Amino acid sequence: MAMVDVTIRGAGIFGLSIAWACARRGARVQVVDPFGPGAGSSGGLVGALAPHVPENWNDKKAFQFESLLMAEPFWRQVEATGGVSPGYARLGRIQPITDQHGLELAHRREGTARDLWQGHAEWTVVETASAGSWCPPSATGFVIHDTLSARMHPRRACAALVAALAVMGVEVIPEALDKGAVVHATGVAGLQELSASLGTVVGNGVKGQAALLRFDAGQVPQLFADAIHFVPHADGTLAIGSTSERDYDDPTGTDTALDDVIQRALQAVPVLHGAEVIERWAGVRPRSKSRAPMLGNHPLHKGQFIANGGFKIGFGMAPKVAEVMADLVLDGRDAIPEGFRPEASL
């Protein structure tokens, strides 16, 4: 039987990314998921890798910022190894500014972005007239344009990682015994297990619904308008979403909540009228109580590790999560921010 240095339970974006980081450092890795890769919330449609607002800087925002800057080389290497494109491109984002208060805030944030983003990316206020034909209507005539946001297709990103891992001799298998260091990246099921065992809510699942439209916008920025993400994918589709539902009966069913998102999307971005809806998707995303990813020593399984709680920013956080978890698991080097430790959600 082949030796295994690391067992990763869960083949969502965190599990696959950590497997990739460990395998690239020479570790022998097995990834175990009874449902297969990208079966949970990582198999979604939207893929908006967008930064937090550049103000009130904290560990979470700094970590995410570093991860977004790491994304381009990370995904380029994955694609070069496995030959499958994740649909990644750093094309920025446009956000309409709806009122005078929002306009004042946006101007202030131009300055904080300069200080905090240190020339790696820009956050600027521009007139809609100068933002191109893809720019949506804006009540103030101004929009925020940032050059840090990137897009990717979540499903294709998971497929790209699976292909790259296969080249490294790592398969995703439905079951196996724990061998070597064990990382639990099991999403909502893992949060439910923690909550049940500890008798306190450590996190929960938040349902999201999204749609895929047949609309080829080309190589343009993503949009964020009326609290909806619009992500033009490389394959000539456009993803819109998503809802945030705490209460739900059917975790993977779409309903009138998605119909409402689609209607609002057409109002916010009129050029989409007439675009065919080719897929409706729903899934449940893992949200830790602290709202930050939960990384470090597993609170239940002594000597094992956890990587959970990606919620809406899992794909954007994945390159950096993979690096710090590989540091911890393989080298015993702990560079995890305090607010990301499981204790922050216990």
Protein backbone atom coordinates (compact mmCIF):
# COMPACT_ATOMS: atom_id res chain seq x y z
CA MET A 1 0.00 0.00 0.00
CA ALA A 2 1.38 3.40 -0.97
CA MET A 3 2.55 5.71 1.78
CA VAL A 4 0.40 8.78 2.44
CA ASP A 5 1.69 11.92 4.16
CA VAL A 6 -1.57 13.89 4.14
CA THR A 7 -5.23 12.85 4.02
CA ILE A 8 -7.64 15.60 3.04
CA ARG A 9 -11.32 15.01 3.73
CA GLY A 10 -13.44 17.11 1.41
CA ALA A 11 -12.91 17.94 -2.27
CA GLY A 12 -14.33 21.45 -2.35
CA ILE A 13 -12.19 24.47 -3.12
CA PHE A 14 -10.37 24.44 0.25
CA GLY A 15 -9.66 20.69 0.19
CA LEU A 16 -8.46 20.63 -3.42
CA SER A 17 -6.31 23.77 -3.02
CA ILE A 18 -4.63 22.46 0.14
CA ALA A 19 -4.02 19.11 -1.60
CA TRP A 20 -2.39 20.98 -4.49
CA ALA A 21 -0.15 23.06 -2.20
CA CYS A 22 0.94 19.97 -0.27
CA ALA A 23 1.56 17.89 -3.42
CA ARG A 24 3.64 20.68 -4.97
CA ARG A 25 5.86 20.57 -1.89
CA GLY A 26 6.46 16.87 -2.45
CA ALA A 27 3.94 15.41 0.01
CA ARG A 28 2.05 12.24 -0.89
CA VAL A 29 -1.60 13.21 -0.66
CA GLN A 30 -4.96 11.47 -0.76
CA VAL A 31 -8.22 13.42 -1.13
CA VAL A 32 -11.33 11.70 0.17
CA ASP A 33 -14.86 12.77 -0.69
CA PRO A 34 -17.80 10.36 -1.00
CA PHE A 35 -19.64 12.82 -3.27
CA GLY A 36 -16.72 13.64 -5.57
CA PRO A 37 -14.98 16.95 -6.29
CA GLY A 38 -16.91 20.23 -6.18
CA ALA A 39 -20.10 18.43 -5.11
CA GLY A 40 -21.17 21.02 -2.52
CA SER A 41 -21.13 24.80 -2.62
CA SER A 42 -17.84 24.76 -4.57
CA GLY A 43 -19.73 23.47 -7.61
CA GLY A 44 -21.52 26.78 -8.06
CA LEU A 45 -21.74 29.26 -10.91
CA VAL A 46 -20.78 32.74 -9.78
CA GLY A 47 -17.03 32.94 -9.08
CA ALA A 48 -16.71 36.61 -8.09
CA LEU A 49 -13.27 37.01 -6.53
CA ALA A 50 -13.94 40.44 -5.10
CA PRO A 51 -12.15 42.29 -2.29
CA HIS A 52 -13.57 43.66 0.93
CA VAL A 53 -14.02 47.43 1.09
CA PRO A 54 -10.61 49.12 1.55
CA GLU A 55 -11.14 50.55 5.05
CA ASN A 56 -11.25 49.36 8.69
CA TRP A 57 -8.31 47.13 7.79
CA ASN A 58 -8.02 43.87 9.74
CA ASP A 59 -6.45 40.40 9.49
CA LYS A 60 -9.29 39.07 7.36
CA LYS A 61 -9.10 41.88 4.81
CA ALA A 62 -5.29 41.73 4.67
CA PHE A 63 -5.34 37.94 4.22
CA GLN A 64 -7.93 38.18 1.46
CA PHE A 65 -5.99 40.96 -0.26
CA GLU A 66 -2.81 38.85 -0.28
CA SER A 67 -4.77 35.86 -1.56
CA LEU A 68 -6.31 37.83 -4.43
CA LEU A 69 -2.81 38.95 -5.45
CA MET A 70 -1.60 35.32 -5.29
CA ALA A 71 -4.50 34.08 -7.43
CA GLU A 72 -3.03 34.78 -10.86
CA PRO A 73 0.18 32.74 -10.47
CA PHE A 74 -1.74 30.08 -8.48
CA TRP A 75 -4.29 29.44 -11.23
CA ARG A 76 -1.74 29.83 -14.02
CA GLN A 77 0.32 27.01 -12.47
CA VAL A 78 -2.77 24.82 -11.99
CA GLU A 79 -3.77 25.29 -15.63
CA ALA A 80 -0.23 24.74 -16.91
CA THR A 81 0.03 21.47 -14.97
CA GLY A 82 -3.35 19.90 -15.69
CA GLY A 83 -4.27 21.54 -18.99
CA VAL A 84 -7.74 22.59 -17.81
CA SER A 85 -8.67 26.28 -17.61
CA PRO A 86 -10.32 27.56 -14.42
CA GLY A 87 -11.63 30.55 -16.38
CA TYR A 88 -9.56 32.92 -14.23
CA ALA A 89 -9.01 36.51 -15.31
CA ARG A 90 -8.33 39.64 -13.26
CA LEU A 91 -10.63 42.02 -15.15
CA GLY A 92 -11.77 44.21 -12.26
CA ARG A 93 -15.27 45.20 -11.18
CA ILE A 94 -17.73 48.05 -11.69
CA GLN A 95 -20.26 49.08 -9.02
CA PRO A 96 -22.94 51.73 -9.63
CA ILE A 97 -23.16 54.40 -6.90
CA THR A 98 -26.81 54.97 -6.05
CA ASP A 99 -26.85 58.14 -3.92
CA GLN A 100 -24.86 61.13 -2.71
CA HIS A 101 -23.84 59.46 0.56
CA GLY A 102 -22.49 56.48 -1.38
CA LEU A 103 -20.60 58.84 -3.67
CA GLU A 104 -18.91 60.59 -0.73
CA LEU A 105 -17.98 57.23 0.81
CA ALA A 106 -16.58 55.98 -2.50
CA HIS A 107 -14.38 59.08 -2.85
CA ARG A 108 -13.03 58.56 0.68
CA ARG A 109 -12.27 54.93 -0.11
CA GLU A 110 -10.22 55.98 -3.13
CA GLY A 111 -7.70 57.36 -0.66
CA THR A 112 -7.75 54.39 1.72
CA ALA A 113 -7.33 52.01 -1.23
CA ARG A 114 -4.20 53.91 -2.27
CA ASP A 115 -2.80 53.51 1.25
CA LEU A 116 -3.86 49.91 1.85
CA TRP A 117 -3.46 48.38 -1.61
CA GLN A 118 -0.03 49.97 -2.07
CA GLY A 119 -0.17 50.30 -5.84
CA HIS A 120 -1.05 46.62 -6.42
CA ALA A 121 -4.57 47.60 -7.49
CA GLU A 122 -6.78 50.68 -7.76
CA TRP A 123 -10.22 51.66 -6.49
CA THR A 124 -11.42 54.71 -8.39
CA VAL A 125 -14.63 56.68 -8.88
CA VAL A 126 -15.36 57.27 -12.57
CA GLU A 127 -18.24 58.68 -14.60
CA THR A 128 -20.49 56.10 -16.25
CA ALA A 129 -19.90 57.81 -19.60
CA SER A 130 -16.21 56.92 -19.46
CA ALA A 131 -16.71 53.36 -18.20
CA GLY A 132 -17.73 51.78 -21.52
CA SER A 133 -20.90 50.27 -22.97
CA TRP A 134 -20.93 47.36 -20.50
CA CYS A 135 -21.30 49.82 -17.60
CA PRO A 136 -24.79 49.61 -16.02
CA PRO A 137 -26.97 52.68 -15.36
CA SER A 138 -26.09 54.54 -12.14
CA ALA A 139 -28.38 57.01 -10.37
CA THR A 140 -25.50 59.37 -9.57
CA GLY A 141 -23.80 59.06 -12.97
CA PHE A 142 -20.74 57.59 -11.22
CA VAL A 143 -19.44 54.08 -10.59
CA ILE A 144 -16.64 52.50 -8.57
CA HIS A 145 -14.06 50.72 -10.69
CA ASP A 146 -11.57 48.46 -8.94
CA THR A 147 -8.77 46.56 -10.64
CA LEU A 148 -8.33 43.88 -7.95
CA SER A 149 -11.49 41.83 -8.55
CA ALA A 150 -11.12 38.74 -10.70
CA ARG A 151 -13.46 36.14 -12.10
CA MET A 152 -13.31 32.40 -12.47
CA HIS A 153 -15.78 29.59 -13.03
CA PRO A 154 -16.05 27.69 -9.71
CA ARG A 155 -16.89 24.36 -11.31
CA ARG A 156 -14.09 24.67 -13.85
CA ALA A 157 -11.66 25.75 -11.14
CA CYS A 158 -12.40 22.53 -9.24
CA ALA A 159 -11.99 20.54 -12.48
CA ALA A 160 -8.69 22.34 -13.16
CA LEU A 161 -7.40 21.40 -9.70
CA VAL A 162 -8.54 17.78 -10.11
CA ALA A 163 -6.69 17.58 -13.45
CA ALA A 164 -3.53 19.18 -12.02
CA LEU A 165 -3.62 16.87 -8.99
CA ALA A 166 -4.01 13.82 -11.25
CA VAL A 167 -0.78 14.80 -13.03
CA MET A 168 0.85 14.86 -9.58
CA GLY A 169 -0.50 11.35 -8.88
CA VAL A 170 -3.30 12.50 -6.57
CA GLU A 171 -6.83 11.17 -7.13
CA VAL A 172 -10.08 12.09 -5.38
CA ILE A 173 -11.39 8.84 -3.91
CA PRO A 174 -14.78 8.14 -2.29
CA GLU A 175 -13.42 6.49 0.85
CA ALA A 176 -10.14 5.68 2.57
CA LEU A 177 -8.68 5.31 6.02
CA ASP A 178 -6.99 8.31 7.64
CA LYS A 179 -3.27 8.23 6.97
CA GLY A 180 -0.63 10.80 7.81
CA ALA A 181 -1.74 14.29 8.79
CA VAL A 182 -5.51 14.72 8.40
CA VAL A 183 -7.23 17.91 7.23
CA HIS A 184 -11.02 18.20 7.46
CA ALA A 185 -12.33 20.52 4.72
CA THR A 186 -15.88 19.22 4.82
CA GLY A 187 -17.96 22.38 4.54
CA VAL A 188 -21.43 22.54 6.04
CA ALA A 189 -21.32 18.90 7.25
CA GLY A 190 -18.15 19.69 9.21
CA LEU A 191 -19.74 22.76 10.86
CA GLN A 192 -22.81 20.70 11.77
CA GLU A 193 -20.61 17.98 13.28
CA LEU A 194 -18.78 20.58 15.39
CA SER A 195 -21.98 22.28 16.54
CA ALA A 196 -23.62 18.96 17.49
CA SER A 197 -20.58 17.65 19.37
CA LEU A 198 -19.83 20.89 21.22
CA GLY A 199 -23.46 21.78 21.97
CA THR A 200 -23.08 25.30 20.61
CA VAL A 201 -23.56 26.85 17.18
CA VAL A 202 -20.08 27.00 15.64
CA GLY A 203 -21.42 27.91 12.22
CA ASN A 204 -24.21 27.18 9.83
CA GLY A 205 -25.10 26.74 6.23
CA VAL A 206 -26.37 29.72 4.24
CA LYS A 207 -28.19 28.81 1.06
CA GLY A 208 -27.40 30.65 -2.14
CA GLN A 209 -29.24 30.57 -5.46
CA ALA A 210 -27.71 31.67 -8.75
CA ALA A 211 -28.40 31.53 -12.47
CA LEU A 212 -26.33 31.16 -15.62
CA LEU A 213 -27.35 33.16 -18.68
CA ARG A 214 -26.33 32.65 -22.30
CA PHE A 215 -24.75 36.07 -22.77
CA ASP A 216 -21.24 36.63 -24.09
CA ALA A 217 -20.10 39.94 -22.59
CA GLY A 218 -16.48 39.39 -23.63
CA GLN A 219 -13.41 40.33 -21.60
CA VAL A 220 -15.12 42.90 -19.38
CA PRO A 221 -15.19 43.66 -15.64
CA GLN A 222 -17.70 41.92 -13.41
CA LEU A 223 -20.52 44.07 -12.04
CA PHE A 224 -21.99 44.45 -8.57
CA ALA A 225 -25.36 46.18 -8.76
CA ASP A 226 -28.45 45.97 -6.51
CA ALA A 227 -26.50 43.52 -4.29
CA ILE A 228 -26.16 41.09 -7.21
CA HIS A 229 -22.89 39.80 -8.69
CA PHE A 230 -22.73 39.66 -12.49
CA VAL A 231 -19.77 37.56 -13.61
CA PRO A 232 -19.03 37.24 -17.34
CA HIS A 233 -17.33 33.87 -17.82
CA ALA A 234 -14.74 32.97 -20.43
CA ASP A 235 -17.09 30.42 -22.05
CA GLY A 236 -19.66 32.98 -23.23
CA THR A 237 -21.99 32.62 -20.25
CA LEU A 238 -22.81 35.13 -17.52
CA ALA A 239 -23.48 34.14 -13.91
CA ILE A 240 -25.77 36.16 -11.64
CA GLY A 241 -26.32 35.66 -7.92
CA SER A 242 -26.76 35.05 -5.22
CA THR A 243 -29.29 34.90 -2.44
CA SER A 244 -28.30 34.53 1.23
CA GLU A 245 -30.92 32.39 2.95
CA ARG A 246 -30.62 31.33 6.58
CA ASP A 247 -33.91 29.42 6.57
CA TYR A 248 -34.61 26.88 3.86
CA ASP A 249 -36.24 23.47 3.46
CA ASP A 250 -34.66 22.38 0.19
CA PRO A 251 -30.88 22.98 0.16
CA THR A 252 -30.41 22.42 -3.58
CA GLY A 253 -33.78 23.56 -4.99
CA THR A 254 -34.32 26.89 -6.72
CA ASP A 255 -37.53 28.84 -6.28
CA THR A 256 -39.12 32.30 -6.48
CA ALA A 257 -36.14 33.80 -4.58
CA LEU A 258 -34.03 33.15 -7.70
CA ASP A 259 -36.78 34.45 -9.97
CA ASP A 260 -36.58 37.69 -7.98
CA VAL A 261 -32.77 37.86 -8.41
CA ILE A 262 -33.15 37.39 -12.17
CA GLN A 263 -35.79 40.15 -12.39
CA ARG A 264 -33.67 42.57 -10.34
CA ALA A 265 -30.66 41.70 -12.49
CA LEU A 266 -32.54 42.62 -15.67
CA GLN A 267 -33.57 45.95 -14.14
CA ALA A 268 -30.04 46.74 -12.95
CA VAL A 269 -28.37 45.71 -16.22
CA PRO A 270 -30.95 46.21 -19.01
CA VAL A 271 -28.63 44.89 -21.74
CA LEU A 272 -29.33 41.38 -20.36
CA HIS A 273 -33.01 41.47 -21.41
CA GLY A 274 -33.76 38.51 -23.64
CA ALA A 275 -30.73 36.45 -22.51
CA GLU A 276 -31.67 32.79 -22.05
CA VAL A 277 -31.39 31.28 -18.55
CA ILE A 278 -29.47 28.05 -19.20
CA GLU A 279 -29.00 26.87 -15.62
CA ARG A 280 -30.47 27.52 -12.18
CA TRP A 281 -28.32 26.46 -9.21
CA ALA A 282 -28.67 26.32 -5.44
CA GLY A 283 -26.26 25.18 -2.75
CA VAL A 284 -25.45 25.70 0.90
CA ARG A 285 -22.26 27.57 1.81
CA PRO A 286 -20.44 27.03 5.12
CA ARG A 287 -20.40 30.15 7.30
CA SER A 288 -18.47 30.04 10.58
CA LYS A 289 -19.73 32.04 13.54
CA SER A 290 -16.77 34.42 13.21
CA ARG A 291 -17.55 34.89 9.46
CA ALA A 292 -13.87 34.21 8.74
CA PRO A 293 -12.44 30.92 7.46
CA MET A 294 -11.81 28.46 10.27
CA LEU A 295 -8.22 27.22 9.98
CA GLY A 296 -5.90 25.36 12.33
CA ASN A 297 -6.11 22.54 14.84
CA HIS A 298 -9.37 20.62 14.76
CA PRO A 299 -11.41 21.20 17.95
CA LEU A 300 -12.75 17.60 17.98
CA HIS A 301 -10.13 15.41 16.34
CA LYS A 302 -6.94 15.68 18.36
CA GLY A 303 -3.80 16.07 16.26
CA GLN A 304 -5.84 16.74 13.12
CA PHE A 305 -6.63 19.97 11.26
CA ILE A 306 -9.60 21.95 9.96
CA ALA A 307 -10.11 24.24 6.97
CA ASN A 308 -13.72 25.35 6.75
CA GLY A 309 -16.03 28.33 6.56
CA GLY A 310 -15.16 29.70 3.12
CA PHE A 311 -18.72 31.06 2.86
CA LYS A 312 -18.83 33.54 -0.05
CA ILE A 313 -15.09 34.19 -0.26
CA GLY A 314 -13.72 30.64 -0.38
CA PHE A 315 -12.41 30.82 -3.94
CA GLY A 316 -10.78 34.19 -3.36
CA MET A 317 -9.20 32.99 -0.10
CA ALA A 318 -8.11 29.58 -1.44
CA PRO A 319 -4.56 30.37 -2.67
CA LYS A 320 -3.52 31.83 0.69
CA VAL A 321 -5.50 29.25 2.72
CA ALA A 322 -3.66 26.52 0.81
CA GLU A 323 -0.29 28.08 1.60
CA VAL A 324 -0.83 28.60 5.34
CA MET A 325 -2.38 25.15 5.77
CA ALA A 326 0.51 23.48 3.91
CA ASP A 327 2.92 25.44 6.15
CA LEU A 328 1.10 24.19 9.25
CA VAL A 329 0.52 20.59 8.21
CA LEU A 330 3.89 19.87 6.57
CA ASP A 331 6.29 22.19 8.41
CA GLY A 332 4.55 22.95 11.71
CA ARG A 333 4.78 26.65 10.82
CA ASP A 334 1.71 28.50 12.11
CA ALA A 335 0.97 31.74 10.25
CA ILE A 336 -2.79 31.66 10.75
CA PRO A 337 -4.37 34.99 11.82
CA GLU A 338 -5.89 34.92 15.33
CA GLY A 339 -9.38 35.62 14.00
CA PHE A 340 -9.23 32.54 11.74
CA ARG A 341 -8.51 30.05 14.51
CA PRO A 342 -11.38 27.71 15.41
CA GLU A 343 -11.48 29.26 18.90
CA ALA A 344 -12.86 32.46 17.32
CA SER A 345 -16.07 30.57 16.49
CA LEU A 346 -16.35 28.43 19.62
